[in-house]
Amino acid sequence: MTTYPVARLTALTQGYGGRRIIENLDLAIQPGVTGLLGPNGAGKTTLFRTLATIAPPQSGQLELFERPVTNERQARRVRRRIGYLPQDFGYYPAFSITDFVRYCAWLREVPSRKVDSATREALAAVGLADRARDRMKSLSGGMLRRAGIAAAIVGSPSLLLLDEPTVGLDPAQRLDFRELIRSLARAGTAVLLSTHLVEDVGAACDTVFVLSNGQVCHSGTPQQLAELALSTAPGDSPLERGYMTVLGNHRPNEGAAC
């Protein structure tokens, strides 16, 4: 059976004002868990904002769920199927965690008859069921991040975009998070995970892209990335050394050649 990309970017150019962050990028996100690695300023957040339909492409084509997205009407339609956790997300401090997740379900147009059960399921999935009435303003950094993850997964989106989701999580919570995204992928959600924690990619991802200077300079499995490692590259594991090797070989302004 043919598997179609959940998201596809063709000749994408994206940036802010006159500054180009991404230029002429081709990328396809397949079902499963995909990791996105890259240094600060590589274009990861810009890519996420484009896939989330927050920032329309300056040029090129965006397709989501096998349909082109070229106007706001089409963007609104596909947003119902997208869960997005940005690095920094806004919330009303006086909201309870339940209020916050319910509000995000409403924004995504989860059917009203399913909102309560979807909210409970999302809170249980991130280990916050017993803190559901706590106010957002009272949460620690790790708990706030888990509330954000719950808001991103509520209603079982088809595409889940997670930008640095494990910041502030302790080791046990990161292990729980890895199992959560694996379970979501088994249930049919395509997950794109951006992180600086290379070990999370190795443990949870089927595919990994390395982004540098707005271009994908490597794609493959985590094992294939690890196999590229030079013994002289910095890092504490083959995967970290493979990542640093790829970055070291990348030449700015030469497209995706590494």
Protein backbone atom coordinates (compact mmCIF):
# COMPACT_ATOMS: atom_id res chain seq x y z
CA MET A 1 0.00 0.00 0.00
CA THR A 2 1.34 3.41 -0.97
CA THR A 3 2.05 5.78 1.93
CA TYR A 4 1.65 9.45 1.10
CA PRO A 5 3.43 12.25 2.95
CA VAL A 6 1.34 13.95 5.59
CA ALA A 7 3.08 17.23 4.75
CA ARG A 8 5.13 18.29 1.75
CA LEU A 9 7.08 21.47 1.06
CA THR A 10 8.21 22.17 -2.49
CA ALA A 11 10.73 24.92 -3.34
CA LEU A 12 9.77 26.69 -0.12
CA THR A 13 11.20 30.12 0.58
CA GLN A 14 10.32 31.59 3.94
CA GLY A 15 11.49 34.43 6.14
CA TYR A 16 10.53 37.69 7.80
CA GLY A 17 10.58 41.02 6.02
CA GLY A 18 13.54 41.04 3.69
CA ARG A 19 15.41 38.33 5.57
CA ARG A 20 15.25 34.83 4.14
CA ILE A 21 15.51 32.03 6.69
CA ILE A 22 14.65 29.11 4.40
CA GLU A 23 15.23 29.14 0.66
CA ASN A 24 14.18 26.62 -2.01
CA LEU A 25 13.53 23.81 0.48
CA ASP A 26 11.99 20.48 -0.51
CA LEU A 27 10.80 18.33 2.38
CA ALA A 28 8.26 15.55 2.96
CA ILE A 29 6.98 14.41 6.37
CA GLN A 30 5.92 10.78 6.36
CA PRO A 31 3.75 8.97 8.93
CA GLY A 32 5.65 7.98 12.08
CA VAL A 33 7.97 10.02 14.28
CA THR A 34 10.40 12.39 12.55
CA GLY A 35 13.13 14.21 14.44
CA LEU A 36 14.45 17.63 13.43
CA LEU A 37 17.93 18.55 14.60
CA GLY A 38 19.82 21.75 13.95
CA PRO A 39 21.66 24.59 15.66
CA ASN A 40 19.97 27.76 16.83
CA GLY A 41 19.10 29.91 13.83
CA ALA A 42 18.94 26.98 11.42
CA GLY A 43 15.28 27.67 10.58
CA LYS A 44 13.53 25.01 12.69
CA THR A 45 10.97 27.32 14.29
CA THR A 46 10.33 29.04 10.95
CA LEU A 47 9.69 25.63 9.40
CA PHE A 48 7.27 24.73 12.20
CA ARG A 49 5.35 27.98 11.84
CA THR A 50 5.00 27.30 8.12
CA LEU A 51 3.77 23.74 8.63
CA ALA A 52 1.33 24.98 11.27
CA THR A 53 -0.07 27.46 8.67
CA ILE A 54 0.78 30.41 10.92
CA ALA A 55 3.20 31.91 8.38
CA PRO A 56 2.21 31.50 4.70
CA PRO A 57 5.16 30.67 2.41
CA GLN A 58 6.82 33.63 0.73
CA SER A 59 7.12 31.36 -2.31
CA GLY A 60 6.88 27.68 -3.08
CA GLN A 61 4.12 25.23 -2.20
CA LEU A 62 2.79 23.78 1.04
CA GLU A 63 0.68 20.60 0.93
CA LEU A 64 -0.97 19.12 3.99
CA PHE A 65 -2.88 15.85 3.96
CA GLU A 66 -2.42 15.65 0.17
CA ARG A 67 -4.02 19.04 -0.45
CA PRO A 68 -2.34 22.34 -1.36
CA VAL A 69 -2.72 25.16 1.15
CA THR A 70 -2.77 28.43 -0.75
CA ASN A 71 -5.26 30.63 1.12
CA GLU A 72 -6.69 31.26 4.57
CA ARG A 73 -9.83 29.21 3.97
CA GLN A 74 -7.75 26.13 3.15
CA ALA A 75 -5.46 26.85 6.11
CA ARG A 76 -8.40 26.97 8.53
CA ARG A 77 -9.62 23.61 7.28
CA VAL A 78 -6.31 21.79 7.81
CA ARG A 79 -5.62 23.44 11.19
CA ARG A 80 -8.34 21.25 12.68
CA ARG A 81 -6.02 18.30 12.11
CA ILE A 82 -2.81 19.90 13.40
CA GLY A 83 -1.53 19.96 16.98
CA TYR A 84 1.26 22.48 17.58
CA LEU A 85 3.43 23.12 20.62
CA PRO A 86 5.72 26.12 20.03
CA GLN A 87 8.78 26.78 22.18
CA ASP A 88 6.88 29.51 24.01
CA PHE A 89 3.09 29.42 24.18
CA GLY A 90 0.60 31.84 25.62
CA TYR A 91 -2.09 31.11 28.20
CA TYR A 92 -4.39 32.86 30.64
CA PRO A 93 -2.68 32.59 34.06
CA ALA A 94 -5.99 32.19 35.91
CA PHE A 95 -7.07 29.25 33.75
CA SER A 96 -6.94 25.82 35.30
CA ILE A 97 -5.05 23.20 33.34
CA THR A 98 -8.41 21.75 32.30
CA ASP A 99 -9.63 25.16 31.13
CA PHE A 100 -6.48 25.64 29.07
CA VAL A 101 -6.66 22.26 27.34
CA ARG A 102 -10.41 22.61 26.76
CA TYR A 103 -9.83 26.04 25.20
CA CYS A 104 -7.22 24.59 22.84
CA ALA A 105 -9.66 21.82 21.91
CA TRP A 106 -12.25 24.48 21.09
CA LEU A 107 -9.75 26.38 18.94
CA ARG A 108 -9.08 23.21 16.98
CA GLU A 109 -12.83 22.68 16.58
CA VAL A 110 -12.94 19.35 18.37
CA PRO A 111 -16.65 18.37 18.36
CA SER A 112 -18.32 19.67 21.51
CA ARG A 113 -19.60 16.22 22.49
CA LYS A 114 -15.97 14.97 22.56
CA VAL A 115 -14.25 17.89 24.28
CA ASP A 116 -14.62 16.64 27.86
CA SER A 117 -13.39 13.12 27.15
CA ALA A 118 -10.61 14.38 24.85
CA THR A 119 -9.42 16.77 27.56
CA ARG A 120 -9.38 14.03 30.21
CA GLU A 121 -7.48 11.69 27.89
CA ALA A 122 -4.88 14.35 27.04
CA LEU A 123 -4.29 15.21 30.71
CA ALA A 124 -3.97 11.54 31.62
CA ALA A 125 -1.49 10.99 28.80
CA VAL A 126 0.91 13.60 30.22
CA GLY A 127 0.41 12.66 33.85
CA LEU A 128 -1.62 15.70 34.89
CA ALA A 129 -4.99 14.11 35.63
CA ASP A 130 -4.54 14.66 39.36
CA ARG A 131 -3.54 18.31 38.83
CA ALA A 132 -6.36 19.19 36.44
CA ARG A 133 -7.72 22.00 38.64
CA ASP A 134 -4.35 23.67 39.28
CA ARG A 135 -3.99 27.18 37.90
CA MET A 136 -1.61 27.68 34.99
CA LYS A 137 0.16 30.47 36.87
CA SER A 138 1.08 28.04 39.67
CA LEU A 139 2.85 25.47 37.48
CA SER A 140 6.54 24.69 37.48
CA GLY A 141 8.40 24.80 34.17
CA GLY A 142 8.12 21.05 33.66
CA MET A 143 4.43 20.95 34.49
CA LEU A 144 3.77 23.90 32.21
CA ARG A 145 5.50 22.05 29.39
CA ARG A 146 3.37 18.97 30.04
CA ALA A 147 0.24 21.13 29.94
CA GLY A 148 1.41 22.42 26.57
CA ILE A 149 1.91 18.89 25.28
CA ALA A 150 -1.62 18.00 26.46
CA ALA A 151 -2.99 21.00 24.57
CA ALA A 152 -1.13 19.90 21.43
CA ILE A 153 -2.42 16.32 21.50
CA VAL A 154 -6.02 16.96 22.58
CA GLY A 155 -8.47 15.67 20.01
CA SER A 156 -5.95 13.28 18.39
CA PRO A 157 -4.52 15.49 15.61
CA SER A 158 -3.29 13.88 12.40
CA LEU A 159 -0.08 15.95 12.43
CA LEU A 160 1.66 16.85 15.68
CA LEU A 161 4.35 19.56 15.64
CA LEU A 162 6.45 19.69 18.81
CA ASP A 163 9.11 22.40 19.09
CA GLU A 164 11.48 21.63 22.00
CA PRO A 165 8.80 19.70 23.93
CA THR A 166 11.09 18.17 26.58
CA VAL A 167 12.60 21.42 27.89
CA GLY A 168 12.12 21.39 31.66
CA LEU A 169 11.13 17.73 31.87
CA ASP A 170 13.06 15.52 34.26
CA PRO A 171 14.57 12.19 33.03
CA ALA A 172 11.55 10.11 34.07
CA GLN A 173 9.16 12.52 32.37
CA ARG A 174 11.26 12.43 29.20
CA LEU A 175 11.01 8.64 29.16
CA ASP A 176 7.23 8.92 29.54
CA PHE A 177 7.17 11.51 26.74
CA ARG A 178 9.05 9.20 24.37
CA GLU A 179 6.54 6.43 25.00
CA LEU A 180 3.68 8.89 24.50
CA ILE A 181 4.81 9.97 21.05
CA ARG A 182 5.53 6.38 20.05
CA SER A 183 1.98 5.45 21.08
CA LEU A 184 0.56 8.41 19.14
CA ALA A 185 2.46 7.29 16.05
CA ARG A 186 1.13 3.75 16.43
CA ALA A 187 -2.38 5.23 16.55
CA GLY A 188 -1.79 7.05 13.25
CA THR A 189 -0.51 10.51 14.21
CA ALA A 190 2.47 11.83 12.26
CA VAL A 191 4.86 13.51 14.71
CA LEU A 192 7.54 16.08 13.91
CA LEU A 193 9.81 16.67 16.88
CA SER A 194 12.40 19.46 17.08
CA THR A 195 14.96 19.16 19.85
CA HIS A 196 18.55 19.80 20.87
CA LEU A 197 18.50 16.54 22.86
CA VAL A 198 19.95 14.09 20.36
CA GLU A 199 19.26 11.08 22.59
CA ASP A 200 15.51 11.76 22.37
CA VAL A 201 15.75 11.49 18.60
CA GLY A 202 17.68 8.24 18.80
CA ALA A 203 15.18 6.71 21.21
CA ALA A 204 11.89 7.83 19.66
CA CYS A 205 12.28 8.74 15.98
CA ASP A 206 12.00 6.67 12.83
CA THR A 207 13.56 9.38 10.65
CA VAL A 208 15.79 12.35 11.36
CA PHE A 209 16.44 15.53 9.37
CA VAL A 210 19.40 17.78 10.11
CA LEU A 211 18.68 21.42 9.27
CA SER A 212 21.46 23.95 8.78
CA ASN A 213 21.24 27.41 7.23
CA GLY A 214 17.66 26.78 6.16
CA GLN A 215 18.48 23.59 4.27
CA VAL A 216 18.20 19.89 5.04
CA CYS A 217 21.77 18.65 4.90
CA HIS A 218 21.00 15.09 6.02
CA SER A 219 18.00 12.77 6.15
CA GLY A 220 17.79 9.14 7.16
CA THR A 221 17.33 6.93 10.18
CA PRO A 222 19.04 7.73 13.49
CA GLN A 223 21.27 4.70 12.89
CA GLN A 224 22.35 6.05 9.51
CA LEU A 225 23.22 9.40 11.11
CA ALA A 226 25.25 7.64 13.80
CA GLU A 227 27.15 5.71 11.13
CA LEU A 228 28.44 9.00 9.68
CA ALA A 229 30.27 9.85 12.91
CA LEU A 230 33.94 10.70 12.71
CA SER A 231 35.97 9.54 15.69
CA THR A 232 37.35 13.06 16.02
CA ALA A 233 33.93 14.72 16.14
CA PRO A 234 32.71 16.05 19.50
CA GLY A 235 29.97 14.16 21.28
CA ASP A 236 29.31 11.50 23.90
CA SER A 237 27.56 8.98 21.64
CA PRO A 238 27.79 7.86 18.01
CA LEU A 239 24.56 9.73 17.24
CA GLU A 240 25.86 12.99 18.72
CA ARG A 241 29.15 12.58 16.84
CA GLY A 242 27.27 11.80 13.62
CA TYR A 243 25.19 14.95 14.05
CA MET A 244 28.28 17.08 14.70
CA THR A 245 30.04 15.48 11.72
CA VAL A 246 27.16 16.42 9.41
CA LEU A 247 27.11 19.99 10.72
CA GLY A 248 30.86 20.26 10.33
CA ASN A 249 30.66 19.11 6.71
CA HIS A 250 27.87 21.50 5.78
CA ARG A 251 28.93 24.48 3.75
CA PRO A 252 26.64 27.57 3.98
CA ASN A 253 25.09 28.81 0.75
CA GLU A 254 25.63 25.49 -0.98
CA GLY A 255 22.08 24.20 -0.62
CA ALA A 256 21.70 20.74 0.87
CA ALA A 257 25.16 19.50 -0.08
CA CYS A 258 27.14 18.25 2.88
